[in-house]
């Protein structure tokens, strides 16, 4: 269960920013809900969704035949009668950070996404419990989840400090419908809690945006 929890949260952290990128730069055919006597499915052009899918701020699970699961527990997450898993997780009040005033705040899946430019470069923060894992165990599980659940073959990891706080930088490139999406995740660990800041952009993140991202990280503070 620990790994599954890390898995879904890591996917959320990365998928949220990708969703905002694609919202500003739509590609592919339009998607829509469909229904018949068997149930609901979600079309993606000439195909349909399978597995976990974020739609209009909620997460859904679709079986291999495309039909939506409902009133079921999948990967440890209960899906209600409408098929939605609505996260009750809120960001911890133990962290404070100053976001640049020119970033545009947008709410996706109940979480704040910050848009840095009109190309879809985006930043978000996801908070999760380490569930009693040691730092070494958590980092190992996180790397496995990024590679496995996001389909990443190669990731680069390094240590860094922001505002005198140790952080772990993970850099990888996601691909969606032939579009490369460079992604950087910066993780702070504090009091058995992980704080994952993610920045992603379409094809390339500008030097200006990376500098702004790093400056923002240097404002991170913890209450304890």
N, C-alpha and C. Protein backbone atom coordinates (compact mmCIF):
# COMPACT_ATOMS: atom_id res chain seq x y z
N UNK A 1 0.82 -1.21 0.00
CA UNK A 1 0.00 0.00 0.00
C UNK A 1 0.85 1.25 0.00
N UNK A 2 1.98 1.22 0.68
CA UNK A 2 2.85 2.38 0.68
C UNK A 2 3.28 2.75 -0.74
N UNK A 3 3.66 1.76 -1.50
CA UNK A 3 4.14 2.04 -2.85
C UNK A 3 3.02 2.59 -3.72
N UNK A 4 1.80 2.03 -3.57
CA UNK A 4 0.68 2.50 -4.37
C UNK A 4 0.37 3.95 -4.04
N UNK A 5 0.47 4.32 -2.77
CA UNK A 5 0.21 5.71 -2.39
C UNK A 5 1.23 6.63 -3.03
N UNK A 6 2.50 6.24 -2.97
CA UNK A 6 3.54 7.05 -3.61
C UNK A 6 3.31 7.11 -5.11
N UNK A 7 2.93 5.99 -5.66
CA UNK A 7 2.71 5.93 -7.11
C UNK A 7 1.69 6.95 -7.57
N UNK A 8 0.51 6.96 -6.95
CA UNK A 8 -0.54 7.83 -7.42
C UNK A 8 -0.19 9.29 -7.19
N UNK A 9 0.41 9.60 -6.05
CA UNK A 9 0.75 10.99 -5.78
C UNK A 9 1.81 11.49 -6.73
N UNK A 10 2.80 10.67 -7.05
CA UNK A 10 3.81 11.08 -8.03
C UNK A 10 3.18 11.33 -9.39
N UNK A 11 2.24 10.47 -9.75
CA UNK A 11 1.56 10.67 -11.04
C UNK A 11 0.77 11.97 -11.01
N UNK A 12 0.10 12.25 -9.89
CA UNK A 12 -0.66 13.49 -9.77
C UNK A 12 0.26 14.68 -9.89
N UNK A 13 1.39 14.65 -9.20
CA UNK A 13 2.31 15.78 -9.21
C UNK A 13 2.74 16.13 -10.62
N UNK A 14 3.02 15.10 -11.41
CA UNK A 14 3.48 15.33 -12.77
C UNK A 14 2.34 15.61 -13.73
N UNK A 15 1.22 14.89 -13.56
CA UNK A 15 0.12 15.00 -14.50
C UNK A 15 -0.58 16.34 -14.41
N UNK A 16 -0.64 16.94 -13.22
CA UNK A 16 -1.30 18.23 -13.07
C UNK A 16 -0.67 19.29 -13.96
N UNK A 17 0.65 19.36 -13.95
CA UNK A 17 1.30 20.38 -14.76
C UNK A 17 1.19 20.05 -16.24
N UNK A 18 1.23 18.78 -16.59
CA UNK A 18 1.06 18.39 -17.99
C UNK A 18 -0.35 18.75 -18.45
N UNK A 19 -1.34 18.56 -17.56
CA UNK A 19 -2.72 18.91 -17.92
C UNK A 19 -2.85 20.39 -18.22
N UNK A 20 -2.17 21.22 -17.44
CA UNK A 20 -2.26 22.66 -17.69
C UNK A 20 -1.53 23.04 -18.97
N UNK A 21 -0.44 22.36 -19.28
CA UNK A 21 0.29 22.60 -20.52
C UNK A 21 -0.60 22.27 -21.72
N UNK A 22 -1.26 21.12 -21.67
CA UNK A 22 -2.09 20.70 -22.79
C UNK A 22 -3.35 21.54 -22.90
N UNK A 23 -3.82 22.11 -21.78
CA UNK A 23 -5.00 22.96 -21.81
C UNK A 23 -4.72 24.22 -22.62
N UNK A 24 -3.48 24.73 -22.51
CA UNK A 24 -3.11 25.93 -23.27
C UNK A 24 -2.64 25.58 -24.67
N UNK A 25 -2.23 24.34 -24.86
CA UNK A 25 -1.72 23.90 -26.16
C UNK A 25 -2.42 22.60 -26.54
N UNK A 26 -3.72 22.63 -26.81
CA UNK A 26 -4.46 21.39 -27.09
C UNK A 26 -3.91 20.68 -28.31
N UNK A 27 -3.79 19.37 -28.18
CA UNK A 27 -3.33 18.56 -29.30
C UNK A 27 -4.22 17.33 -29.42
N UNK A 28 -4.37 16.81 -30.61
CA UNK A 28 -5.17 15.62 -30.79
C UNK A 28 -6.66 15.94 -30.88
N UNK A 29 -7.47 14.91 -31.00
CA UNK A 29 -8.90 15.08 -31.15
C UNK A 29 -9.54 15.38 -29.80
N UNK A 30 -10.74 15.98 -29.82
CA UNK A 30 -11.43 16.30 -28.58
C UNK A 30 -11.90 15.04 -27.89
N UNK A 31 -12.03 15.15 -26.54
CA UNK A 31 -12.45 14.01 -25.73
C UNK A 31 -13.84 14.28 -25.16
N UNK A 32 -14.59 13.23 -24.86
CA UNK A 32 -15.93 13.41 -24.31
C UNK A 32 -16.40 12.13 -23.64
N UNK A 33 -17.39 12.28 -22.74
CA UNK A 33 -18.01 11.13 -22.08
C UNK A 33 -19.03 10.48 -23.01
N UNK A 34 -19.12 9.14 -22.94
CA UNK A 34 -20.12 8.39 -23.69
C UNK A 34 -20.75 7.37 -22.76
N UNK A 35 -21.98 6.96 -23.06
CA UNK A 35 -22.69 5.99 -22.22
C UNK A 35 -23.54 5.06 -23.06
N UNK A 36 -23.63 3.77 -22.60
CA UNK A 36 -24.59 2.85 -23.17
C UNK A 36 -25.18 2.03 -22.03
N UNK A 37 -25.85 0.94 -22.35
CA UNK A 37 -26.49 0.14 -21.31
C UNK A 37 -25.53 -0.50 -20.34
N UNK A 38 -24.28 -0.63 -20.73
CA UNK A 38 -23.28 -1.27 -19.86
C UNK A 38 -22.65 -0.28 -18.89
N UNK A 39 -22.43 0.95 -19.34
CA UNK A 39 -21.82 1.93 -18.45
C UNK A 39 -21.25 3.11 -19.21
N UNK A 40 -20.38 3.86 -18.50
CA UNK A 40 -19.77 5.06 -19.06
C UNK A 40 -18.34 4.77 -19.51
N UNK A 41 -17.90 5.49 -20.56
CA UNK A 41 -16.50 5.47 -20.95
C UNK A 41 -16.12 6.87 -21.41
N UNK A 42 -14.84 7.10 -21.60
CA UNK A 42 -14.36 8.43 -21.98
C UNK A 42 -13.57 8.32 -23.26
N UNK A 43 -14.06 8.98 -24.31
CA UNK A 43 -13.41 8.86 -25.60
C UNK A 43 -12.19 9.77 -25.70
N UNK A 44 -11.21 9.33 -26.44
CA UNK A 44 -10.02 10.11 -26.76
C UNK A 44 -9.79 9.98 -28.26
N UNK A 45 -10.50 10.80 -29.02
CA UNK A 45 -10.44 10.66 -30.46
C UNK A 45 -11.15 9.39 -30.88
N UNK A 46 -10.46 8.51 -31.58
CA UNK A 46 -11.05 7.26 -32.03
C UNK A 46 -10.86 6.14 -31.01
N UNK A 47 -10.22 6.45 -29.88
CA UNK A 47 -9.95 5.44 -28.85
C UNK A 47 -10.70 5.81 -27.57
N UNK A 48 -10.32 5.17 -26.46
CA UNK A 48 -10.96 5.45 -25.18
C UNK A 48 -9.92 5.33 -24.06
N UNK A 49 -10.24 5.94 -22.92
CA UNK A 49 -9.32 5.94 -21.79
C UNK A 49 -9.29 4.59 -21.10
N UNK A 50 -8.11 4.22 -20.61
CA UNK A 50 -7.95 3.05 -19.75
C UNK A 50 -7.05 3.44 -18.59
N UNK A 51 -7.19 2.74 -17.46
CA UNK A 51 -6.38 3.04 -16.29
C UNK A 51 -6.84 4.33 -15.63
N UNK A 52 -5.95 4.94 -14.84
CA UNK A 52 -6.28 6.19 -14.15
C UNK A 52 -6.30 7.35 -15.13
N UNK A 53 -7.30 8.23 -14.97
CA UNK A 53 -7.44 9.40 -15.85
C UNK A 53 -8.00 10.57 -15.04
N UNK A 54 -7.35 11.73 -15.16
CA UNK A 54 -7.84 12.95 -14.51
C UNK A 54 -8.72 13.69 -15.50
N UNK A 55 -9.98 13.95 -15.11
CA UNK A 55 -10.94 14.61 -15.98
C UNK A 55 -11.67 15.69 -15.19
N UNK A 56 -11.56 16.93 -15.64
CA UNK A 56 -12.28 18.05 -15.02
C UNK A 56 -12.10 18.10 -13.51
N UNK A 57 -10.88 17.87 -13.07
CA UNK A 57 -10.57 18.04 -11.65
C UNK A 57 -10.76 16.81 -10.79
N UNK A 58 -11.27 15.70 -11.34
CA UNK A 58 -11.45 14.47 -10.58
C UNK A 58 -10.68 13.32 -11.23
N UNK A 59 -10.34 12.32 -10.43
CA UNK A 59 -9.66 11.14 -10.95
C UNK A 59 -10.66 10.00 -11.11
N UNK A 60 -10.55 9.28 -12.25
CA UNK A 60 -11.40 8.13 -12.56
C UNK A 60 -10.52 6.94 -12.96
N UNK A 61 -11.11 5.76 -12.85
CA UNK A 61 -10.38 4.57 -13.31
C UNK A 61 -11.22 3.86 -14.36
N UNK A 62 -10.58 3.51 -15.49
CA UNK A 62 -11.26 2.84 -16.59
C UNK A 62 -10.63 1.45 -16.81
N UNK A 63 -11.47 0.44 -16.90
CA UNK A 63 -10.99 -0.92 -17.12
C UNK A 63 -10.38 -1.04 -18.52
N UNK A 64 -9.78 -2.18 -18.80
CA UNK A 64 -9.11 -2.37 -20.09
C UNK A 64 -10.07 -2.30 -21.27
N UNK A 65 -11.38 -2.55 -21.01
CA UNK A 65 -12.36 -2.44 -22.09
C UNK A 65 -12.91 -1.02 -22.22
N UNK A 66 -12.41 -0.11 -21.38
CA UNK A 66 -12.79 1.29 -21.48
C UNK A 66 -13.89 1.74 -20.53
N UNK A 67 -14.61 0.80 -19.92
CA UNK A 67 -15.71 1.20 -19.04
C UNK A 67 -15.20 1.71 -17.69
N UNK A 68 -15.88 2.73 -17.18
CA UNK A 68 -15.50 3.37 -15.93
C UNK A 68 -15.87 2.52 -14.72
N UNK A 69 -14.96 2.47 -13.76
CA UNK A 69 -15.24 1.78 -12.50
C UNK A 69 -16.02 2.72 -11.58
N UNK A 70 -16.91 2.18 -10.76
CA UNK A 70 -17.63 2.98 -9.77
C UNK A 70 -18.01 2.09 -8.60
N UNK A 71 -18.19 2.72 -7.44
CA UNK A 71 -18.50 1.97 -6.21
C UNK A 71 -17.49 0.85 -5.99
N UNK A 72 -16.23 1.12 -6.31
CA UNK A 72 -15.17 0.13 -6.21
C UNK A 72 -13.94 0.76 -5.55
N UNK A 73 -13.10 -0.09 -5.00
CA UNK A 73 -11.80 0.36 -4.49
C UNK A 73 -10.74 -0.15 -5.45
N UNK A 74 -10.01 0.76 -6.08
CA UNK A 74 -8.97 0.42 -7.04
C UNK A 74 -7.64 0.94 -6.50
N UNK A 75 -6.62 0.09 -6.43
CA UNK A 75 -5.30 0.47 -5.92
C UNK A 75 -5.39 1.13 -4.54
N UNK A 76 -6.40 0.73 -3.76
CA UNK A 76 -6.53 1.29 -2.42
C UNK A 76 -7.32 2.59 -2.36
N UNK A 77 -7.90 3.05 -3.49
CA UNK A 77 -8.64 4.30 -3.54
C UNK A 77 -10.10 4.03 -3.88
N UNK A 78 -11.00 4.53 -3.03
CA UNK A 78 -12.43 4.29 -3.25
C UNK A 78 -12.99 5.25 -4.28
N UNK A 79 -13.67 4.69 -5.28
CA UNK A 79 -14.34 5.46 -6.33
C UNK A 79 -15.84 5.48 -6.01
N UNK A 80 -16.43 6.68 -5.95
CA UNK A 80 -17.82 6.79 -5.53
C UNK A 80 -18.79 6.37 -6.63
N UNK A 81 -20.10 6.61 -6.38
CA UNK A 81 -21.14 6.16 -7.32
C UNK A 81 -21.02 6.85 -8.67
N UNK A 82 -20.37 8.01 -8.69
CA UNK A 82 -20.15 8.72 -9.96
C UNK A 82 -18.82 8.33 -10.60
N UNK A 83 -18.09 7.42 -9.96
CA UNK A 83 -16.82 6.96 -10.50
C UNK A 83 -15.62 7.79 -10.09
N UNK A 84 -15.84 8.86 -9.34
CA UNK A 84 -14.75 9.80 -9.04
C UNK A 84 -14.06 9.47 -7.72
N UNK A 85 -12.74 9.62 -7.73
CA UNK A 85 -11.97 9.67 -6.48
C UNK A 85 -11.62 11.13 -6.27
N UNK A 86 -12.16 11.71 -5.19
CA UNK A 86 -11.90 13.11 -4.89
C UNK A 86 -10.99 13.16 -3.69
N UNK A 87 -9.78 13.65 -3.90
CA UNK A 87 -8.79 13.69 -2.84
C UNK A 87 -9.20 14.64 -1.74
N UNK A 88 -9.06 14.20 -0.49
CA UNK A 88 -9.32 15.07 0.66
C UNK A 88 -8.02 15.64 1.19
N UNK A 89 -6.91 15.33 0.51
CA UNK A 89 -5.61 15.80 0.95
C UNK A 89 -5.51 17.31 0.77
N UNK A 90 -5.05 18.01 1.78
CA UNK A 90 -4.81 19.45 1.69
C UNK A 90 -3.35 19.71 1.97
N UNK A 91 -2.85 20.79 1.46
CA UNK A 91 -1.45 21.11 1.66
C UNK A 91 -1.20 21.45 3.13
N UNK A 92 -0.09 20.96 3.63
CA UNK A 92 0.26 21.17 5.02
C UNK A 92 0.51 22.63 5.31
N UNK A 93 0.04 23.06 6.47
CA UNK A 93 0.28 24.44 6.89
C UNK A 93 1.70 24.62 7.43
N UNK A 94 2.47 23.54 7.45
CA UNK A 94 3.82 23.62 7.99
C UNK A 94 4.82 24.19 6.99
N UNK A 95 4.40 24.39 5.75
CA UNK A 95 5.30 24.93 4.74
C UNK A 95 4.78 26.28 4.27
N UNK A 96 5.68 27.20 4.01
CA UNK A 96 5.30 28.47 3.39
C UNK A 96 6.24 28.73 2.23
N UNK A 97 5.72 29.35 1.18
CA UNK A 97 6.51 29.64 -0.01
C UNK A 97 5.93 30.88 -0.68
N UNK A 98 6.79 31.70 -1.25
CA UNK A 98 6.35 32.92 -1.93
C UNK A 98 6.42 32.70 -3.44
N UNK A 99 5.26 32.73 -4.10
CA UNK A 99 5.21 32.57 -5.54
C UNK A 99 5.31 33.94 -6.22
N UNK A 100 6.02 34.04 -7.33
CA UNK A 100 6.13 35.31 -8.05
C UNK A 100 4.75 35.88 -8.39
N UNK A 101 4.60 37.19 -8.27
CA UNK A 101 3.31 37.83 -8.48
C UNK A 101 2.82 37.75 -9.93
N UNK A 102 3.72 37.53 -10.87
CA UNK A 102 3.31 37.46 -12.28
C UNK A 102 2.90 36.05 -12.71
N UNK A 103 3.02 35.06 -11.82
CA UNK A 103 2.53 33.72 -12.14
C UNK A 103 1.01 33.71 -12.00
N UNK A 104 0.33 33.06 -12.91
CA UNK A 104 -1.14 33.01 -12.90
C UNK A 104 -1.60 31.73 -12.19
N UNK A 105 -2.37 31.91 -11.13
CA UNK A 105 -2.84 30.75 -10.36
C UNK A 105 -4.12 30.18 -10.97
N UNK A 106 -4.12 28.86 -11.13
CA UNK A 106 -5.27 28.16 -11.68
C UNK A 106 -5.52 26.93 -10.82
N UNK A 107 -6.79 26.56 -10.62
CA UNK A 107 -7.12 25.42 -9.78
C UNK A 107 -7.48 24.21 -10.64
N UNK A 108 -6.73 23.12 -10.49
CA UNK A 108 -7.00 21.88 -11.19
C UNK A 108 -7.02 20.76 -10.16
N UNK A 109 -8.07 19.97 -10.18
CA UNK A 109 -8.23 18.88 -9.21
C UNK A 109 -8.09 19.36 -7.77
N UNK A 110 -8.62 20.54 -7.49
CA UNK A 110 -8.60 21.06 -6.14
C UNK A 110 -7.25 21.54 -5.68
N UNK A 111 -6.28 21.60 -6.59
CA UNK A 111 -4.94 22.05 -6.24
C UNK A 111 -4.53 23.23 -7.11
N UNK A 112 -3.67 24.06 -6.55
CA UNK A 112 -3.23 25.24 -7.27
C UNK A 112 -2.11 24.92 -8.25
N UNK A 113 -2.29 25.37 -9.49
CA UNK A 113 -1.27 25.29 -10.52
C UNK A 113 -0.89 26.72 -10.87
N UNK A 114 0.39 26.98 -11.05
CA UNK A 114 0.84 28.31 -11.41
C UNK A 114 1.37 28.29 -12.85
N UNK A 115 0.77 29.12 -13.70
CA UNK A 115 1.16 29.21 -15.10
C UNK A 115 2.19 30.33 -15.25
N UNK A 116 3.33 29.98 -15.85
CA UNK A 116 4.44 30.93 -15.94
C UNK A 116 4.47 31.70 -17.25
N UNK A 117 3.87 31.14 -18.29
CA UNK A 117 3.86 31.82 -19.58
C UNK A 117 2.71 31.29 -20.43
N UNK A 118 2.57 31.84 -21.64
CA UNK A 118 1.46 31.43 -22.51
C UNK A 118 1.75 30.15 -23.27
N UNK A 119 2.90 29.54 -23.01
CA UNK A 119 3.24 28.27 -23.64
C UNK A 119 2.87 27.08 -22.77
N UNK A 120 2.38 27.36 -21.57
CA UNK A 120 1.93 26.29 -20.69
C UNK A 120 2.93 25.85 -19.63
N UNK A 121 4.08 26.52 -19.53
CA UNK A 121 5.03 26.18 -18.47
C UNK A 121 4.34 26.36 -17.12
N UNK A 122 4.37 25.32 -16.29
CA UNK A 122 3.55 25.31 -15.09
C UNK A 122 4.31 24.77 -13.88
N UNK A 123 3.84 25.19 -12.70
CA UNK A 123 4.44 24.75 -11.44
C UNK A 123 3.33 24.35 -10.48
N UNK A 124 3.54 23.28 -9.72
CA UNK A 124 2.61 22.95 -8.65
C UNK A 124 3.34 22.29 -7.49
N UNK A 125 2.64 22.19 -6.39
CA UNK A 125 3.16 21.55 -5.18
C UNK A 125 2.20 20.46 -4.75
N UNK A 126 2.73 19.26 -4.50
CA UNK A 126 1.96 18.15 -3.95
C UNK A 126 2.60 17.73 -2.64
N UNK A 127 1.78 17.53 -1.61
CA UNK A 127 2.27 17.13 -0.30
C UNK A 127 1.78 15.73 0.00
N UNK A 128 2.66 14.86 0.48
CA UNK A 128 2.24 13.51 0.85
C UNK A 128 3.02 13.02 2.05
N UNK A 129 2.42 12.10 2.78
CA UNK A 129 3.09 11.47 3.91
C UNK A 129 4.12 10.46 3.39
N UNK A 130 5.25 10.37 4.08
CA UNK A 130 6.25 9.35 3.74
C UNK A 130 5.86 8.00 4.31
N UNK A 131 4.78 7.96 5.08
CA UNK A 131 4.20 6.72 5.61
C UNK A 131 5.22 5.88 6.38
N UNK A 132 6.10 6.56 7.11
CA UNK A 132 7.06 5.85 7.94
C UNK A 132 8.29 5.36 7.23
N UNK A 133 8.40 5.59 5.92
CA UNK A 133 9.58 5.16 5.19
C UNK A 133 10.78 6.03 5.57
N UNK A 134 11.96 5.45 5.55
CA UNK A 134 13.17 6.23 5.75
C UNK A 134 13.42 7.08 4.51
N UNK A 135 14.32 8.05 4.60
CA UNK A 135 14.64 8.88 3.45
C UNK A 135 15.13 8.04 2.28
N UNK A 136 16.00 7.08 2.58
CA UNK A 136 16.54 6.22 1.52
C UNK A 136 15.43 5.38 0.88
N UNK A 137 14.54 4.81 1.70
CA UNK A 137 13.45 3.99 1.17
C UNK A 137 12.49 4.82 0.33
N UNK A 138 12.17 6.01 0.83
CA UNK A 138 11.23 6.88 0.11
C UNK A 138 11.80 7.30 -1.24
N UNK A 139 13.07 7.71 -1.25
CA UNK A 139 13.69 8.15 -2.51
C UNK A 139 13.75 7.01 -3.52
N UNK A 140 14.06 5.83 -3.04
CA UNK A 140 14.13 4.66 -3.93
C UNK A 140 12.76 4.37 -4.53
N UNK A 141 11.71 4.38 -3.67
CA UNK A 141 10.36 4.12 -4.15
C UNK A 141 9.91 5.20 -5.14
N UNK A 142 10.28 6.45 -4.87
CA UNK A 142 9.91 7.55 -5.77
C UNK A 142 10.53 7.38 -7.14
N UNK A 143 11.80 7.01 -7.19
CA UNK A 143 12.48 6.82 -8.47
C UNK A 143 11.85 5.68 -9.27
N UNK A 144 11.53 4.60 -8.58
CA UNK A 144 10.90 3.45 -9.24
C UNK A 144 9.54 3.86 -9.80
N UNK A 145 8.78 4.62 -9.01
CA UNK A 145 7.45 5.03 -9.45
C UNK A 145 7.49 5.95 -10.65
N UNK A 146 8.44 6.88 -10.67
CA UNK A 146 8.56 7.77 -11.82
C UNK A 146 8.87 6.96 -13.08
N UNK A 147 9.82 6.04 -12.97
CA UNK A 147 10.20 5.24 -14.14
C UNK A 147 9.07 4.32 -14.59
N UNK A 148 8.42 3.67 -13.62
CA UNK A 148 7.42 2.66 -13.95
C UNK A 148 6.08 3.26 -14.36
N UNK A 149 5.56 4.17 -13.53
CA UNK A 149 4.20 4.65 -13.72
C UNK A 149 4.09 5.80 -14.72
N UNK A 150 5.19 6.51 -14.97
CA UNK A 150 5.17 7.55 -15.99
C UNK A 150 5.87 7.09 -17.27
N UNK A 151 6.36 5.85 -17.27
CA UNK A 151 6.99 5.31 -18.46
C UNK A 151 8.28 6.00 -18.83
N UNK A 152 9.07 6.38 -17.82
CA UNK A 152 10.32 7.10 -18.06
C UNK A 152 11.49 6.12 -18.03
N UNK A 153 12.31 6.12 -19.06
CA UNK A 153 13.47 5.23 -19.12
C UNK A 153 14.68 5.80 -18.39
N UNK A 154 14.79 7.12 -18.41
CA UNK A 154 15.99 7.74 -17.85
C UNK A 154 15.64 8.94 -16.99
N UNK A 155 16.13 8.96 -15.77
CA UNK A 155 15.96 10.12 -14.90
C UNK A 155 17.33 10.52 -14.36
N UNK A 156 17.47 11.81 -14.10
CA UNK A 156 18.70 12.32 -13.51
C UNK A 156 18.38 12.85 -12.12
N UNK A 157 19.21 12.50 -11.16
CA UNK A 157 18.96 12.89 -9.78
C UNK A 157 20.20 13.56 -9.20
N UNK A 158 19.98 14.64 -8.48
CA UNK A 158 21.09 15.30 -7.79
C UNK A 158 20.58 15.97 -6.53
N UNK A 159 21.49 16.25 -5.61
CA UNK A 159 21.16 16.93 -4.37
C UNK A 159 21.45 18.43 -4.52
N UNK A 160 20.65 19.23 -3.82
CA UNK A 160 20.85 20.68 -3.86
C UNK A 160 20.29 21.28 -2.57
N UNK A 161 20.64 22.53 -2.31
CA UNK A 161 20.09 23.25 -1.17
C UNK A 161 19.36 24.49 -1.62
N UNK A 162 18.20 24.71 -1.04
CA UNK A 162 17.44 25.93 -1.26
C UNK A 162 17.11 26.53 0.09
N UNK A 163 17.50 27.78 0.29
CA UNK A 163 17.25 28.45 1.56
C UNK A 163 17.80 27.62 2.73
N UNK A 164 18.98 27.05 2.52
CA UNK A 164 19.67 26.22 3.53
C UNK A 164 18.91 24.95 3.88
N UNK A 165 18.09 24.47 2.96
CA UNK A 165 17.34 23.24 3.17
C UNK A 165 17.69 22.25 2.08
N UNK A 166 18.02 21.04 2.49
CA UNK A 166 18.38 20.01 1.52
C UNK A 166 17.17 19.61 0.67
N UNK A 167 17.40 19.46 -0.63
CA UNK A 167 16.34 19.05 -1.53
C UNK A 167 16.91 18.05 -2.53
N UNK A 168 16.03 17.29 -3.13
CA UNK A 168 16.41 16.29 -4.12
C UNK A 168 15.79 16.68 -5.46
N UNK A 169 16.61 16.82 -6.49
CA UNK A 169 16.16 17.22 -7.81
C UNK A 169 16.07 16.00 -8.72
N UNK A 170 14.92 15.80 -9.32
CA UNK A 170 14.70 14.72 -10.29
C UNK A 170 14.32 15.35 -11.62
N UNK A 171 15.06 14.98 -12.67
CA UNK A 171 14.85 15.57 -13.99
C UNK A 171 14.57 14.45 -15.00
N UNK A 172 13.47 14.58 -15.74
CA UNK A 172 13.15 13.58 -16.76
C UNK A 172 12.29 14.23 -17.84
N UNK A 173 12.09 13.53 -18.94
CA UNK A 173 11.29 14.04 -20.04
C UNK A 173 10.11 13.10 -20.28
N UNK A 174 8.90 13.64 -20.16
CA UNK A 174 7.70 12.87 -20.50
C UNK A 174 7.37 13.11 -21.97
N UNK A 175 6.71 12.14 -22.57
CA UNK A 175 6.27 12.28 -23.95
C UNK A 175 4.78 12.02 -24.03
N UNK A 176 4.05 12.97 -24.61
CA UNK A 176 2.61 12.81 -24.77
C UNK A 176 2.24 13.15 -26.21
N UNK A 177 1.69 12.17 -26.91
CA UNK A 177 1.29 12.33 -28.32
C UNK A 177 2.41 12.97 -29.14
N UNK A 178 3.62 12.48 -28.92
CA UNK A 178 4.77 12.96 -29.68
C UNK A 178 5.36 14.26 -29.20
N UNK A 179 4.79 14.85 -28.13
CA UNK A 179 5.29 16.11 -27.59
C UNK A 179 6.18 15.83 -26.39
N UNK A 180 7.41 16.34 -26.41
CA UNK A 180 8.32 16.18 -25.28
C UNK A 180 8.01 17.22 -24.22
N UNK A 181 7.92 16.77 -22.96
CA UNK A 181 7.60 17.65 -21.85
C UNK A 181 8.68 17.51 -20.78
N UNK A 182 9.73 18.35 -20.83
CA UNK A 182 10.77 18.31 -19.79
C UNK A 182 10.14 18.59 -18.43
N UNK A 183 10.50 17.79 -17.44
CA UNK A 183 9.90 17.87 -16.11
C UNK A 183 10.98 17.85 -15.03
N UNK A 184 10.86 18.76 -14.10
CA UNK A 184 11.78 18.82 -12.96
C UNK A 184 10.96 18.73 -11.68
N UNK A 185 11.32 17.79 -10.81
CA UNK A 185 10.66 17.67 -9.53
C UNK A 185 11.69 17.91 -8.42
N UNK A 186 11.36 18.83 -7.52
CA UNK A 186 12.23 19.16 -6.40
C UNK A 186 11.50 18.74 -5.13
N UNK A 187 12.11 17.83 -4.37
CA UNK A 187 11.46 17.25 -3.21
C UNK A 187 12.18 17.63 -1.92
N UNK A 188 11.41 18.21 -0.99
CA UNK A 188 11.88 18.48 0.36
C UNK A 188 11.25 17.46 1.29
N UNK A 189 12.02 16.92 2.23
CA UNK A 189 11.49 16.00 3.23
C UNK A 189 11.56 16.68 4.59
N UNK A 190 10.44 16.66 5.32
CA UNK A 190 10.39 17.31 6.62
C UNK A 190 9.32 16.66 7.49
N UNK A 191 9.74 16.15 8.64
CA UNK A 191 8.80 15.55 9.60
C UNK A 191 7.92 14.48 8.97
N UNK A 192 8.56 13.51 8.30
CA UNK A 192 7.87 12.39 7.67
C UNK A 192 6.86 12.84 6.61
N UNK A 193 7.11 14.00 6.02
CA UNK A 193 6.26 14.53 4.97
C UNK A 193 7.11 14.93 3.78
N UNK A 194 6.62 14.64 2.58
CA UNK A 194 7.31 15.00 1.35
C UNK A 194 6.59 16.15 0.68
N UNK A 195 7.36 17.15 0.26
CA UNK A 195 6.83 18.31 -0.44
C UNK A 195 7.44 18.33 -1.84
N UNK A 196 6.62 18.05 -2.86
CA UNK A 196 7.11 17.86 -4.22
C UNK A 196 6.71 19.04 -5.10
N UNK A 197 7.67 19.87 -5.45
CA UNK A 197 7.44 20.97 -6.39
C UNK A 197 7.79 20.47 -7.79
N UNK A 198 6.87 20.65 -8.74
CA UNK A 198 7.08 20.19 -10.11
C UNK A 198 6.95 21.35 -11.08
N UNK A 199 7.92 21.45 -11.99
CA UNK A 199 7.81 22.40 -13.10
C UNK A 199 7.95 21.61 -14.40
N UNK A 200 7.10 21.91 -15.36
CA UNK A 200 7.16 21.23 -16.65
C UNK A 200 6.82 22.22 -17.75
N UNK A 201 7.32 21.96 -18.93
CA UNK A 201 7.07 22.85 -20.06
C UNK A 201 7.00 22.08 -21.35
N UNK A 202 6.45 22.71 -22.34
CA UNK A 202 6.31 22.08 -23.66
C UNK A 202 7.61 22.25 -24.44
N UNK A 203 8.27 21.14 -24.70
CA UNK A 203 9.52 21.08 -25.47
C UNK A 203 10.73 21.64 -24.72
N UNK A 204 10.59 22.84 -24.10
CA UNK A 204 11.74 23.44 -23.41
C UNK A 204 11.26 24.44 -22.37
N UNK A 205 11.92 24.43 -21.20
CA UNK A 205 11.64 25.42 -20.18
C UNK A 205 12.69 26.51 -20.30
N UNK A 206 12.26 27.75 -20.42
CA UNK A 206 13.19 28.84 -20.64
C UNK A 206 14.09 29.07 -19.43
N UNK A 207 15.25 29.66 -19.69
CA UNK A 207 16.17 29.99 -18.59
C UNK A 207 15.50 30.94 -17.61
N UNK A 208 14.72 31.86 -18.13
CA UNK A 208 14.03 32.83 -17.27
C UNK A 208 13.08 32.13 -16.31
N UNK A 209 12.33 31.15 -16.82
CA UNK A 209 11.40 30.43 -15.96
C UNK A 209 12.11 29.53 -14.95
N UNK A 210 13.23 28.94 -15.33
CA UNK A 210 13.99 28.12 -14.40
C UNK A 210 14.57 28.98 -13.29
N UNK A 211 15.02 30.19 -13.62
CA UNK A 211 15.55 31.09 -12.60
C UNK A 211 14.43 31.49 -11.63
N UNK A 212 13.25 31.80 -12.17
CA UNK A 212 12.12 32.15 -11.32
C UNK A 212 11.72 30.99 -10.42
N UNK A 213 11.76 29.77 -10.96
CA UNK A 213 11.45 28.57 -10.18
C UNK A 213 12.44 28.40 -9.04
N UNK A 214 13.73 28.54 -9.34
CA UNK A 214 14.75 28.40 -8.31
C UNK A 214 14.63 29.50 -7.25
N UNK A 215 14.32 30.71 -7.68
CA UNK A 215 14.14 31.81 -6.72
C UNK A 215 12.96 31.52 -5.79
N UNK A 216 11.89 30.96 -6.35
CA UNK A 216 10.73 30.60 -5.54
C UNK A 216 11.11 29.55 -4.50
N UNK A 217 11.89 28.54 -4.93
CA UNK A 217 12.30 27.48 -4.01
C UNK A 217 13.16 28.03 -2.86
N UNK A 218 13.86 29.10 -3.11
CA UNK A 218 14.69 29.71 -2.06
C UNK A 218 13.87 30.49 -1.04
N UNK A 219 12.54 30.52 -1.20
CA UNK A 219 11.68 31.14 -0.19
C UNK A 219 11.01 30.09 0.70
N UNK A 220 11.26 28.81 0.44
CA UNK A 220 10.61 27.74 1.20
C UNK A 220 11.01 27.80 2.67
N UNK A 221 10.01 27.75 3.55
CA UNK A 221 10.25 27.70 4.99
C UNK A 221 9.32 26.67 5.62
N UNK A 222 9.78 26.08 6.72
CA UNK A 222 8.97 25.13 7.47
C UNK A 222 8.72 25.67 8.87
N UNK A 223 7.56 25.34 9.44
CA UNK A 223 7.20 25.84 10.75
C UNK A 223 8.01 25.20 11.86
N UNK A 224 8.52 23.99 11.60
CA UNK A 224 9.28 23.31 12.66
C UNK A 224 10.67 22.97 12.18
